[in-house]
Amino acid sequence: MRVNNSFLSRVWNIYDSNIIVSLFLSSNSIIKSKMKFGTAIVAIACALNGANAFAPSTFGVRSNSAMFMSTEAPAKTVTKLPSSVKPGVVTGKALIDLLTHAKENKYAIPGVNIVGSNSINSCMEAAQKYGGPVMVTFSKGGGQYIAGKAADNTDDAASIAGSIAGAKHVREVAKLYGVPVVLHTDHCQKAWLPWIDGLLDASEEYYKTHGEPLFSSHMLDLSEEPLEENIAICKTYMERMAKIDMLLEFELGITGGEEDGVDNTDVDSSRLYTQPEEVFYAYEELSKVDNAAFTCAASFGNVHGVYAPGNVDLQPVILHNSQKYIKEKLSSDDNKPMFFVFHGGSGSSTEDIRYAIEAGVIKMNIDTDTQWAFWDGIRGYEAANHDYLQGQIGNPESPDKPNKKFYDPRMALRAGEESMAGRLCKAAEDLNCVDVLNWA
């Protein structure tokens, strides 16, 4: 499919409020349909081919981005999904089968931080549109927000309750979107382990009734601790999680920048790069646990947040070297024995992302860009409907005409959802995660 450059440039510049107004207020039919302008954005974003989804050029930072170029999508062949993988939340063997399918077919699953039902639904809507799996990721702060900022968070009670509530929401609706969904939690440092303990309690109870855990996986980020202590604690948690078929994600090295209460902005740059020997040590130790399933967030220069080009020095060759090292140590026939995950992807080039996927990256975290996209959808909605949002009654059509259909909170929030979903469609393109659901 070829895309008209000038038209896309105009549409994507909706982040300029003047263009929003000119594009959308010019159409009475769009106004009468409650200004659901985000639907057009999602459709266009999902149609884009070759979009550099994580480069800072997106969302108005640089207007001459390659994403406006006309391209042809190359044909690709995706193997059948294992029969264990079905629409809805995937856990246990089905999760391992899905990750193996991703590694073999060289795509990575978007792992998206969420803060409520709106962003949760955006993830699943996007996955439905791009035709691939998605990982819905709860942070400790996100869980607290879901419970309500006024709720008592003594001993992480609100963070635990909110994360569980969000997981149950996903459990109830995921199948309706027809895609595999992974229920995951993000960075948990040593001081936050009681939060994960509470979530594991919930998964153990869920397992007794349903034969699977509530969550699919949890991440422990003990990278600030010495390597031996990091892996020893991870191994203890792996032993508990393996009994209920849960996957553990662990971190080696440090992801720079700041995200949701984890601040590594001033860390020594040498700690941003993991060594193959460290990866093998973790692999060997965790593999000693019966029924162990794990992924590794090995740092290779990753930084949370979005930065101008040249400020982040990614070295995905570290992942390639680590796979080779493990393969040799194990005398294995598997060229990629480790499942890797990619943190801090904002600002990364498409080339670095694809090269990391070649090394066995099966999931990439996304937070900064989707936060901006959600806000930008709301901002665009307000700009397009500004004159209808200044009072309950009275607008350019009539001083007596009510504006309820414009200030209904669902309208602005829906615009945020659609904008975020559109952003994830572009992310999926860079991650090779488009049209990969070749059901068995």
Protein backbone atom coordinates (compact mmCIF):
# COMPACT_ATOMS: atom_id res chain seq x y z
CA MET A 1 0.00 0.00 0.00
CA ARG A 2 1.29 3.44 -0.89
CA VAL A 3 0.62 6.36 1.38
CA ASN A 4 0.20 9.94 0.21
CA ASN A 5 2.99 11.95 1.85
CA SER A 6 1.35 15.37 1.93
CA PHE A 7 -1.92 14.03 3.35
CA LEU A 8 -0.17 12.10 6.12
CA SER A 9 1.95 15.09 6.97
CA ARG A 10 -1.19 17.15 7.43
CA VAL A 11 -2.95 14.50 9.50
CA TRP A 12 -0.01 13.64 11.67
CA ASN A 13 0.50 17.31 12.45
CA ILE A 14 -2.69 17.18 14.49
CA TYR A 15 -0.39 17.92 17.36
CA ASP A 16 -0.46 21.50 16.09
CA SER A 17 -3.75 22.75 17.49
CA ASN A 18 -4.35 25.12 14.57
CA ILE A 19 -4.20 22.24 12.12
CA ILE A 20 -6.47 20.19 14.34
CA VAL A 21 -9.06 22.91 14.14
CA SER A 22 -8.71 23.33 10.38
CA LEU A 23 -8.87 19.58 9.74
CA PHE A 24 -11.74 18.67 11.99
CA LEU A 25 -13.93 21.74 12.47
CA SER A 26 -14.18 22.00 8.69
CA SER A 27 -16.25 18.83 8.66
CA ASN A 28 -19.76 19.15 10.08
CA SER A 29 -20.25 15.43 9.77
CA ILE A 30 -17.33 14.80 12.07
CA ILE A 31 -18.67 17.29 14.60
CA LYS A 32 -22.06 15.61 14.49
CA SER A 33 -20.45 12.24 15.18
CA LYS A 34 -19.04 13.68 18.42
CA MET A 35 -15.66 14.43 16.95
CA LYS A 36 -14.26 10.93 17.19
CA PHE A 37 -11.19 12.16 15.35
CA GLY A 38 -8.88 9.61 16.92
CA THR A 39 -10.39 6.79 14.85
CA ALA A 40 -8.83 8.30 11.75
CA ILE A 41 -5.50 8.57 13.51
CA VAL A 42 -5.53 4.90 14.51
CA ALA A 43 -6.44 3.76 11.02
CA ILE A 44 -3.72 5.85 9.43
CA ALA A 45 -1.11 4.84 11.98
CA CYS A 46 -1.85 1.16 11.50
CA ALA A 47 -1.51 1.60 7.74
CA LEU A 48 1.90 3.20 7.90
CA ASN A 49 4.72 1.03 6.67
CA GLY A 50 8.31 1.40 7.82
CA ALA A 51 7.46 3.89 10.56
CA ASN A 52 10.28 4.61 12.99
CA ALA A 53 8.08 4.11 16.01
CA PHE A 54 10.55 4.90 18.74
CA ALA A 55 12.64 7.68 17.23
CA PRO A 56 12.24 11.12 18.82
CA SER A 57 10.97 12.40 15.48
CA THR A 58 7.50 11.07 16.28
CA PHE A 59 4.84 13.29 17.85
CA GLY A 60 6.09 16.50 16.37
CA VAL A 61 9.72 16.52 17.51
CA ARG A 62 10.87 16.41 13.91
CA SER A 63 8.44 16.99 11.06
CA ASN A 64 10.52 15.49 8.23
CA SER A 65 10.44 11.99 9.72
CA ALA A 66 10.87 8.94 7.55
CA MET A 67 7.47 7.79 8.75
CA PHE A 68 5.88 10.04 6.13
CA MET A 69 7.68 8.27 3.31
CA SER A 70 5.77 6.09 0.87
CA THR A 71 6.73 2.47 1.36
CA GLU A 72 5.69 -1.02 0.37
CA ALA A 73 5.28 -3.58 3.17
CA PRO A 74 7.48 -6.60 2.47
CA ALA A 75 5.74 -9.94 2.42
CA LYS A 76 6.55 -12.10 5.43
CA THR A 77 5.74 -15.62 6.43
CA VAL A 78 4.78 -16.33 10.03
CA THR A 79 4.61 -19.87 11.33
CA LYS A 80 1.47 -21.19 12.98
CA LEU A 81 0.96 -20.25 16.60
CA PRO A 82 1.18 -23.22 18.97
CA SER A 83 -2.26 -24.60 19.82
CA SER A 84 -1.73 -23.65 23.47
CA VAL A 85 -1.87 -19.94 22.58
CA LYS A 86 -5.41 -18.61 22.44
CA PRO A 87 -7.14 -15.23 22.72
CA GLY A 88 -7.16 -13.89 26.27
CA VAL A 89 -4.57 -13.93 29.02
CA VAL A 90 -1.73 -16.40 28.41
CA THR A 91 0.27 -18.01 31.22
CA GLY A 92 2.53 -21.00 31.84
CA LYS A 93 3.26 -23.20 28.83
CA ALA A 94 1.14 -21.03 26.54
CA LEU A 95 3.29 -18.01 27.47
CA ILE A 96 6.53 -19.87 26.79
CA ASP A 97 5.11 -21.07 23.49
CA LEU A 98 4.16 -17.51 22.55
CA LEU A 99 7.62 -16.14 23.42
CA THR A 100 9.26 -18.95 21.48
CA HIS A 101 7.03 -18.12 18.49
CA ALA A 102 8.15 -14.49 18.77
CA LYS A 103 11.82 -15.45 18.89
CA GLU A 104 11.56 -17.86 15.97
CA ASN A 105 9.60 -15.39 13.83
CA LYS A 106 11.75 -12.42 14.86
CA TYR A 107 9.18 -10.12 16.37
CA ALA A 108 8.95 -8.51 19.79
CA ILE A 109 5.79 -7.95 21.82
CA PRO A 110 5.00 -4.38 22.91
CA GLY A 111 5.11 -4.26 26.72
CA VAL A 112 3.05 -1.23 27.69
CA ASN A 113 2.84 0.48 31.07
CA ILE A 114 -0.74 1.30 31.98
CA VAL A 115 -2.43 3.44 34.64
CA GLY A 116 -6.10 2.54 34.36
CA SER A 117 -8.82 0.93 32.27
CA ASN A 118 -8.45 3.52 29.51
CA SER A 119 -4.81 2.72 28.84
CA ILE A 120 -5.45 -1.01 29.36
CA ASN A 121 -8.16 -0.94 26.70
CA SER A 122 -5.93 1.07 24.37
CA CYS A 123 -3.36 -1.73 24.51
CA MET A 124 -5.85 -4.40 23.56
CA GLU A 125 -7.50 -2.25 20.90
CA ALA A 126 -4.11 -1.65 19.31
CA ALA A 127 -3.25 -5.36 19.41
CA GLN A 128 -6.55 -6.14 17.73
CA LYS A 129 -5.72 -3.65 14.98
CA TYR A 130 -2.08 -4.60 14.37
CA GLY A 131 -2.80 -8.31 14.66
CA GLY A 132 -0.40 -9.38 17.38
CA PRO A 133 -0.04 -10.04 21.10
CA VAL A 134 0.44 -7.35 23.72
CA MET A 135 1.84 -7.23 27.23
CA VAL A 136 -0.19 -5.14 29.71
CA THR A 137 2.26 -3.98 32.36
CA PHE A 138 1.46 -2.70 35.85
CA SER A 139 3.92 -0.60 37.83
CA LYS A 140 3.75 -0.15 41.58
CA GLY A 141 2.68 3.46 41.09
CA GLY A 142 0.22 2.50 38.37
CA GLY A 143 -1.40 -0.02 40.69
CA GLN A 144 -1.77 2.60 43.38
CA TYR A 145 -3.33 4.99 40.88
CA ILE A 146 -5.90 2.39 39.84
CA ALA A 147 -6.90 1.90 43.48
CA GLY A 148 -7.21 5.66 43.90
CA LYS A 149 -4.63 8.15 45.13
CA ALA A 150 -6.70 8.76 48.27
CA ALA A 151 -6.71 5.07 49.20
CA ASP A 152 -4.58 3.95 52.14
CA ASN A 153 -1.28 2.65 50.75
CA THR A 154 0.20 1.51 54.05
CA ASP A 155 2.31 -1.59 53.38
CA ASP A 156 1.60 -1.12 49.65
CA ALA A 157 -2.06 -2.03 50.21
CA ALA A 158 -3.35 0.27 47.45
CA SER A 159 -0.58 -0.69 45.01
CA ILE A 160 -1.43 -4.36 45.55
CA ALA A 161 -5.20 -3.92 45.40
CA GLY A 162 -5.06 -1.68 42.32
CA SER A 163 -2.78 -4.05 40.41
CA ILE A 164 -5.06 -6.98 41.22
CA ALA A 165 -8.15 -5.00 40.21
CA GLY A 166 -6.52 -4.07 36.90
CA ALA A 167 -5.51 -7.67 36.27
CA LYS A 168 -9.08 -8.83 36.89
CA HIS A 169 -10.35 -6.22 34.45
CA VAL A 170 -8.02 -7.63 31.78
CA ARG A 171 -9.12 -11.16 32.66
CA GLU A 172 -12.76 -10.23 32.06
CA VAL A 173 -12.39 -8.48 28.70
CA ALA A 174 -9.20 -9.73 26.99
CA LYS A 175 -10.92 -12.50 25.02
CA LEU A 176 -13.29 -9.94 23.52
CA TYR A 177 -10.37 -8.43 21.61
CA GLY A 178 -9.33 -11.77 20.10
CA VAL A 179 -5.62 -11.44 20.90
CA PRO A 180 -3.15 -13.05 23.34
CA VAL A 181 -2.50 -10.79 26.33
CA VAL A 182 0.35 -11.13 28.82
CA LEU A 183 -0.33 -9.77 32.34
CA HIS A 184 2.98 -8.45 33.64
CA THR A 185 4.43 -6.12 36.28
CA ASP A 186 7.32 -3.71 35.81
CA HIS A 187 10.44 -2.78 37.79
CA CYS A 188 10.37 -3.98 41.39
CA GLN A 189 13.46 -3.00 43.33
CA LYS A 190 14.47 -4.60 46.62
CA ALA A 191 12.55 -2.17 48.82
CA TRP A 192 9.38 -2.85 46.85
CA LEU A 193 9.35 -6.66 47.17
CA PRO A 194 6.34 -6.59 49.55
CA TRP A 195 4.30 -5.35 46.58
CA ILE A 196 5.25 -8.44 44.56
CA ASP A 197 4.66 -10.65 47.62
CA GLY A 198 1.08 -9.39 47.77
CA LEU A 199 0.56 -10.06 44.05
CA LEU A 200 2.00 -13.55 44.38
CA ASP A 201 -0.40 -14.25 47.22
CA ALA A 202 -3.24 -13.32 44.85
CA SER A 203 -1.86 -15.49 42.03
CA GLU A 204 -1.48 -18.47 44.36
CA GLU A 205 -5.11 -18.14 45.42
CA TYR A 206 -6.21 -17.78 41.81
CA TYR A 207 -4.20 -20.87 40.88
CA LYS A 208 -6.07 -23.00 43.42
CA THR A 209 -9.34 -22.30 41.63
CA HIS A 210 -8.34 -21.83 38.00
CA GLY A 211 -5.17 -23.89 37.60
CA GLU A 212 -3.19 -20.87 36.45
CA PRO A 213 -1.87 -17.70 38.12
CA LEU A 214 -3.70 -14.37 38.03
CA PHE A 215 -0.67 -12.68 36.48
CA SER A 216 1.45 -14.17 33.71
CA SER A 217 4.78 -12.84 34.99
CA HIS A 218 6.56 -10.42 37.29
CA MET A 219 9.76 -8.42 36.93
CA LEU A 220 12.32 -8.09 39.71
CA ASP A 221 14.79 -5.26 39.20
CA LEU A 222 17.58 -5.94 41.69
CA SER A 223 20.25 -4.56 39.39
CA GLU A 224 21.42 -2.10 42.05
CA GLU A 225 22.44 -5.04 44.23
CA PRO A 226 25.63 -7.11 43.72
CA LEU A 227 25.19 -9.72 41.00
CA GLU A 228 25.24 -12.69 43.41
CA GLU A 229 22.62 -11.12 45.69
CA ASN A 230 20.49 -10.09 42.71
CA ILE A 231 20.34 -13.62 41.34
CA ALA A 232 20.02 -15.27 44.77
CA ILE A 233 16.86 -13.27 45.50
CA CYS A 234 15.55 -13.89 41.99
CA LYS A 235 16.17 -17.60 42.47
CA THR A 236 14.14 -17.60 45.69
CA TYR A 237 11.24 -15.92 43.91
CA MET A 238 11.64 -18.21 40.90
CA GLU A 239 11.18 -21.22 43.19
CA ARG A 240 7.89 -19.80 44.45
CA MET A 241 6.68 -18.69 41.01
CA ALA A 242 7.59 -21.94 39.25
CA LYS A 243 5.11 -23.81 41.44
CA ILE A 244 2.25 -21.87 39.85
CA ASP A 245 3.66 -21.69 36.31
CA MET A 246 4.71 -18.05 36.43
CA LEU A 247 7.52 -16.45 34.46
CA LEU A 248 10.17 -14.22 36.06
CA GLU A 249 11.82 -11.27 34.34
CA PHE A 250 15.08 -10.14 35.92
CA GLU A 251 17.44 -7.26 35.19
CA LEU A 252 21.21 -7.22 34.81
CA GLY A 253 23.01 -3.93 34.63
CA ILE A 254 21.01 -0.75 34.99
CA THR A 255 18.58 0.99 32.67
CA GLY A 256 19.41 4.69 32.80
CA GLY A 257 17.00 7.60 33.10
CA GLU A 258 13.90 7.80 35.29
CA GLU A 259 10.59 5.97 35.20
CA ASP A 260 7.77 5.75 37.73
CA GLY A 261 9.85 6.23 40.87
CA VAL A 262 13.00 4.45 39.64
CA ASP A 263 15.65 7.13 39.07
CA ASN A 264 18.99 6.16 37.51
CA THR A 265 19.75 9.47 35.82
CA ASP A 266 23.17 9.88 37.48
CA VAL A 267 24.38 6.28 37.34
CA ASP A 268 27.89 5.52 36.12
CA SER A 269 27.67 4.82 32.39
CA SER A 270 29.70 1.62 32.73
CA ARG A 271 26.78 0.07 34.63
CA LEU A 272 24.57 0.48 31.56
CA TYR A 273 26.34 -2.39 29.78
CA THR A 274 25.97 -6.03 30.87
CA GLN A 275 28.72 -8.59 30.23
CA PRO A 276 28.02 -12.04 28.69
CA GLU A 277 29.54 -13.76 31.73
CA GLU A 278 26.92 -12.12 33.95
CA VAL A 279 24.11 -13.26 31.67
CA PHE A 280 25.36 -16.84 31.73
CA TYR A 281 25.73 -16.81 35.52
CA ALA A 282 22.08 -15.78 35.87
CA TYR A 283 20.94 -18.30 33.26
CA GLU A 284 22.81 -21.13 34.96
CA GLU A 285 21.58 -20.33 38.47
CA LEU A 286 17.91 -19.83 37.58
CA SER A 287 17.90 -22.96 35.40
CA LYS A 288 18.55 -24.99 38.54
CA VAL A 289 14.95 -24.35 39.62
CA ASP A 290 12.46 -26.99 38.50
CA ASN A 291 9.97 -25.62 35.95
CA ALA A 292 11.88 -22.32 35.79
CA ALA A 293 10.78 -19.83 33.12
CA PHE A 294 12.53 -16.50 32.84
CA THR A 295 13.48 -13.58 30.62
CA CYS A 296 16.47 -11.28 30.98
CA ALA A 297 16.54 -7.49 30.79
CA ALA A 298 20.26 -7.19 30.08
CA SER A 299 21.31 -3.57 29.79
CA PHE A 300 23.11 -2.52 26.63
CA GLY A 301 23.00 1.25 27.01
CA ASN A 302 19.23 1.49 27.47
CA VAL A 303 17.78 4.66 28.99
CA HIS A 304 14.22 5.36 30.14
CA GLY A 305 12.58 8.45 28.70
CA VAL A 306 12.95 10.17 25.34
CA TYR A 307 16.14 11.90 24.26
CA ALA A 308 17.51 13.70 21.23
CA PRO A 309 19.46 11.58 18.71
CA GLY A 310 23.05 10.89 19.75
CA ASN A 311 22.40 11.03 23.49
CA VAL A 312 21.88 7.27 23.87
CA ASP A 313 24.58 4.80 22.86
CA LEU A 314 22.93 1.43 22.40
CA GLN A 315 25.11 -1.63 21.91
CA PRO A 316 22.74 -4.51 21.07
CA VAL A 317 25.79 -6.53 20.00
CA ILE A 318 26.05 -7.31 23.74
CA LEU A 319 22.93 -9.46 23.39
CA HIS A 320 24.35 -11.30 20.38
CA ASN A 321 27.61 -11.95 22.23
CA SER A 322 25.71 -13.17 25.28
CA GLN A 323 23.69 -15.67 23.26
CA LYS A 324 26.87 -16.97 21.64
CA TYR A 325 28.58 -17.25 25.04
CA ILE A 326 25.69 -19.20 26.60
CA LYS A 327 25.42 -21.48 23.58
CA GLU A 328 29.12 -22.33 23.81
CA LYS A 329 29.01 -22.85 27.57
CA LEU A 330 26.05 -25.21 27.26
CA SER A 331 27.31 -26.88 24.09
CA SER A 332 23.78 -26.25 22.87
CA ASP A 333 22.30 -26.44 19.40
CA ASP A 334 20.09 -23.46 20.25
CA ASN A 335 21.60 -20.28 18.83
CA LYS A 336 19.45 -18.11 21.11
CA PRO A 337 18.96 -19.93 24.43
CA MET A 338 17.98 -16.78 26.37
CA PHE A 339 14.78 -14.76 26.05
CA PHE A 340 15.86 -11.11 26.16
CA VAL A 341 13.69 -8.06 26.79
CA PHE A 342 14.41 -4.46 25.83
CA HIS A 343 13.85 -1.62 28.31
CA GLY A 344 14.18 2.08 27.55
CA GLY A 345 13.32 1.92 23.87
CA SER A 346 12.33 5.56 23.32
CA GLY A 347 14.75 7.29 20.99
CA SER A 348 16.11 4.02 19.59
CA SER A 349 16.66 3.67 15.87
CA THR A 350 14.75 1.08 13.91
CA GLU A 351 18.07 -0.53 13.05
CA ASP A 352 19.02 -0.98 16.72
CA ILE A 353 15.58 -2.37 17.54
CA ARG A 354 15.65 -4.88 14.70
CA TYR A 355 19.22 -5.91 15.52
CA ALA A 356 18.20 -6.51 19.13
CA ILE A 357 15.27 -8.65 17.96
CA GLU A 358 17.72 -10.69 15.88
CA ALA A 359 19.50 -11.44 19.18
CA GLY A 360 16.40 -12.91 20.79
CA VAL A 361 14.55 -9.86 22.17
CA ILE A 362 10.92 -10.92 22.46
CA LYS A 363 9.47 -7.91 24.29
CA MET A 364 10.12 -4.19 24.30
CA ASN A 365 8.87 -1.85 27.01
CA ILE A 366 6.95 1.26 26.00
CA ASP A 367 5.86 3.97 28.43
CA THR A 368 7.09 7.48 27.66
CA ASP A 369 5.75 7.54 24.11
CA THR A 370 2.34 6.11 24.98
CA GLN A 371 1.95 8.56 27.86
CA TRP A 372 2.54 11.40 25.43
CA ALA A 373 0.20 9.87 22.86
CA PHE A 374 -2.67 9.58 25.35
CA TRP A 375 -2.23 13.17 26.47
CA ASP A 376 -1.89 14.38 22.89
CA GLY A 377 -5.18 12.75 21.97
CA ILE A 378 -6.91 14.64 24.79
CA ARG A 379 -5.11 17.86 23.87
CA GLY A 380 -6.18 17.47 20.27
CA TYR A 381 -9.78 16.83 21.25
CA GLU A 382 -9.88 20.00 23.33
CA ALA A 383 -8.32 22.04 20.53
CA ALA A 384 -10.76 20.72 17.94
CA ASN A 385 -13.77 21.33 20.20
CA HIS A 386 -12.54 24.32 22.18
CA ASP A 387 -15.58 26.53 21.54
CA TYR A 388 -17.90 23.73 22.65
CA LEU A 389 -16.07 23.22 25.94
CA GLN A 390 -16.31 26.66 27.52
CA GLY A 391 -19.63 26.15 29.27
CA GLN A 392 -22.47 23.71 29.68
CA ILE A 393 -24.67 25.76 27.36
CA GLY A 394 -23.79 27.95 24.41
CA ASN A 395 -21.50 27.33 21.44
CA PRO A 396 -20.89 28.73 17.94
CA GLU A 397 -24.08 27.09 16.70
CA SER A 398 -26.40 28.70 19.27
CA PRO A 399 -26.15 30.52 22.61
CA ASP A 400 -28.81 28.14 23.94
CA LYS A 401 -27.42 24.86 22.64
CA PRO A 402 -26.15 22.39 25.29
CA ASN A 403 -22.61 21.00 25.08
CA LYS A 404 -23.03 17.82 27.10
CA LYS A 405 -22.02 15.53 24.26
CA PHE A 406 -18.70 17.37 24.05
CA TYR A 407 -17.76 17.60 27.74
CA ASP A 408 -18.86 14.06 28.54
CA PRO A 409 -15.54 12.73 29.99
CA ARG A 410 -15.77 9.68 27.78
CA MET A 411 -15.26 11.84 24.70
CA ALA A 412 -11.87 13.25 25.67
CA LEU A 413 -10.76 9.98 27.22
CA ARG A 414 -11.76 8.09 24.09
CA ALA A 415 -9.65 10.50 22.05
CA GLY A 416 -6.73 9.64 24.34
CA GLU A 417 -7.38 5.93 23.94
CA GLU A 418 -7.45 6.14 20.15
CA SER A 419 -4.30 8.24 19.99
CA MET A 420 -2.46 5.81 22.25
CA ALA A 421 -3.69 2.84 20.21
CA GLY A 422 -2.44 4.53 17.07
CA ARG A 423 0.97 5.04 18.64
CA LEU A 424 1.14 1.36 19.55
CA CYS A 425 0.29 0.36 16.00
CA LYS A 426 3.39 2.21 14.87
CA ALA A 427 5.44 0.63 17.63
CA ALA A 428 4.27 -2.81 16.54
CA GLU A 429 5.47 -2.06 13.01
CA ASP A 430 9.02 -1.43 14.21
CA LEU A 431 8.87 -4.55 16.37
CA ASN A 432 7.80 -6.74 13.43
CA CYS A 433 4.68 -7.57 15.47
CA VAL A 434 2.10 -6.88 12.77
CA ASP A 435 -0.10 -9.73 11.48
CA VAL A 436 1.71 -12.44 13.47
CA LEU A 437 -1.39 -14.21 14.77
CA ASN A 438 -1.33 -17.20 12.44
CA TRP A 439 -3.71 -19.28 14.56
CA ALA A 440 -3.26 -23.03 14.66
